[in-house]
Amino acid sequence: MPGRLAIDFGTSNTVVALWSETQQMGIPFHIPDYGSFYQHNHEKISVIPSQIHYASDRRRWLGNQVEQQNLTKS
């Protein structure tokens, strides 16, 4: 699948977008396990919290998984 992918690594949130040749603009891409939707004006944008948690058993939790597992304070 040819195309362009853009990733904006923010301090608090990360946004992934795919380039639409038809619309000539980036379209936010939702990754269900890691992101959640944020309402901005009349548009829903998928954001991924810029968080990674490394567990002692070598598992890694990314983005929204960190918050769902209540790992932000550990």
C-alpha atoms as a PDB file:
ATOM      1  CA  MET A   1       0.000   0.000   0.000  1.00  0.00           C
ATOM      2  CA  PRO A   2       1.908   3.092  -1.189  1.00  0.00           C
ATOM      3  CA  GLY A   3       1.419   6.366   0.587  1.00  0.00           C
ATOM      4  CA  ARG A   4       2.847   8.760   3.104  1.00  0.00           C
ATOM      5  CA  LEU A   5       2.762   8.536   6.862  1.00  0.00           C
ATOM      6  CA  ALA A   6       3.374  11.428   9.226  1.00  0.00           C
ATOM      7  CA  ILE A   7       4.013  11.152  12.954  1.00  0.00           C
ATOM      8  CA  ASP A   8       3.995  14.210  15.212  1.00  0.00           C
ATOM      9  CA  PHE A   9       5.775  13.241  18.422  1.00  0.00           C
ATOM     10  CA  GLY A  10       4.498  15.735  20.949  1.00  0.00           C
ATOM     11  CA  THR A  11       5.476  16.231  24.557  1.00  0.00           C
ATOM     12  CA  SER A  12       2.049  15.148  25.817  1.00  0.00           C
ATOM     13  CA  ASN A  13       0.438  13.496  22.793  1.00  0.00           C
ATOM     14  CA  THR A  14       1.440  11.928  19.508  1.00  0.00           C
ATOM     15  CA  VAL A  15      -0.638  12.088  16.313  1.00  0.00           C
ATOM     16  CA  VAL A  16      -0.332   9.709  13.355  1.00  0.00           C
ATOM     17  CA  ALA A  17      -1.688  10.821   9.967  1.00  0.00           C
ATOM     18  CA  LEU A  18      -1.902   9.379   6.471  1.00  0.00           C
ATOM     19  CA  TRP A  19      -1.642  11.616   3.401  1.00  0.00           C
ATOM     20  CA  SER A  20      -4.745  11.709   1.212  1.00  0.00           C
ATOM     21  CA  GLU A  21      -3.885  12.419  -2.422  1.00  0.00           C
ATOM     22  CA  THR A  22      -7.571  13.053  -3.129  1.00  0.00           C
ATOM     23  CA  GLN A  23      -8.045  15.642  -0.375  1.00  0.00           C
ATOM     24  CA  GLN A  24      -4.442  16.891  -0.496  1.00  0.00           C
ATOM     25  CA  MET A  25      -4.163  16.814   3.278  1.00  0.00           C
ATOM     26  CA  GLY A  26      -3.171  14.612   6.200  1.00  0.00           C
ATOM     27  CA  ILE A  27      -5.945  12.497   7.693  1.00  0.00           C
ATOM     28  CA  PRO A  28      -5.478  11.518  11.369  1.00  0.00           C
ATOM     29  CA  PHE A  29      -5.176   7.745  11.717  1.00  0.00           C
ATOM     30  CA  HIS A  30      -6.691   6.003  14.749  1.00  0.00           C
ATOM     31  CA  ILE A  31      -4.800   3.143  16.389  1.00  0.00           C
ATOM     32  CA  PRO A  32      -7.413   1.650  18.757  1.00  0.00           C
ATOM     33  CA  ASP A  33      -5.155  -0.018  21.339  1.00  0.00           C
ATOM     34  CA  TYR A  34      -2.949   3.025  21.825  1.00  0.00           C
ATOM     35  CA  GLY A  35      -5.035   6.113  21.085  1.00  0.00           C
ATOM     36  CA  SER A  36      -8.277   7.801  21.990  1.00  0.00           C
ATOM     37  CA  PHE A  37     -10.317  10.521  20.345  1.00  0.00           C
ATOM     38  CA  TYR A  38      -9.993  14.219  21.171  1.00  0.00           C
ATOM     39  CA  GLN A  39     -12.650  16.682  20.039  1.00  0.00           C
ATOM     40  CA  HIS A  40     -11.200  19.793  18.359  1.00  0.00           C
ATOM     41  CA  ASN A  41     -13.883  22.183  17.106  1.00  0.00           C
ATOM     42  CA  HIS A  42     -16.071  19.947  14.886  1.00  0.00           C
ATOM     43  CA  GLU A  43     -13.378  17.363  14.233  1.00  0.00           C
ATOM     44  CA  LYS A  44     -12.473  14.214  16.175  1.00  0.00           C
ATOM     45  CA  ILE A  45      -8.732  13.624  16.199  1.00  0.00           C
ATOM     46  CA  SER A  46      -7.077  10.435  17.400  1.00  0.00           C
ATOM     47  CA  VAL A  47      -4.263  11.170  19.824  1.00  0.00           C
ATOM     48  CA  ILE A  48      -1.854   8.763  21.471  1.00  0.00           C
ATOM     49  CA  PRO A  49      -0.556   9.820  24.886  1.00  0.00           C
ATOM     50  CA  SER A  50       3.239  10.130  24.604  1.00  0.00           C
ATOM     51  CA  GLN A  51       3.898   7.496  27.265  1.00  0.00           C
ATOM     52  CA  ILE A  52       5.793   4.211  27.428  1.00  0.00           C
ATOM     53  CA  HIS A  53       5.906   1.943  30.464  1.00  0.00           C
ATOM     54  CA  TYR A  54       8.526  -0.801  30.692  1.00  0.00           C
ATOM     55  CA  ALA A  55       7.363  -3.550  33.072  1.00  0.00           C
ATOM     56  CA  SER A  56       9.783  -5.686  35.072  1.00  0.00           C
ATOM     57  CA  ASP A  57       8.571  -8.772  33.160  1.00  0.00           C
ATOM     58  CA  ARG A  58       9.758  -7.167  29.875  1.00  0.00           C
ATOM     59  CA  ARG A  59       6.266  -6.157  28.673  1.00  0.00           C
ATOM     60  CA  ARG A  60       5.817  -2.696  27.215  1.00  0.00           C
ATOM     61  CA  TRP A  61       2.704  -0.570  27.513  1.00  0.00           C
ATOM     62  CA  LEU A  62       2.255   2.258  25.005  1.00  0.00           C
ATOM     63  CA  GLY A  63       0.049   5.341  24.875  1.00  0.00           C
ATOM     64  CA  ASN A  64      -3.476   4.819  26.146  1.00  0.00           C
ATOM     65  CA  GLN A  65      -2.528   1.378  27.515  1.00  0.00           C
ATOM     66  CA  VAL A  66      -0.413   3.103  30.187  1.00  0.00           C
ATOM     67  CA  GLU A  67      -3.448   5.043  31.415  1.00  0.00           C
ATOM     68  CA  GLN A  68      -5.822   2.056  31.155  1.00  0.00           C
ATOM     69  CA  GLN A  69      -3.452  -0.038  33.295  1.00  0.00           C
ATOM     70  CA  ASN A  70      -3.100   2.880  35.774  1.00  0.00           C
ATOM     71  CA  LEU A  71       0.668   2.923  35.307  1.00  0.00           C
ATOM     72  CA  THR A  72       1.209   6.688  35.151  1.00  0.00           C
ATOM     73  CA  LYS A  73       2.451   6.891  38.752  1.00  0.00           C
ATOM     74  CA  SER A  74       4.577   3.737  38.877  1.00  0.00           C
END
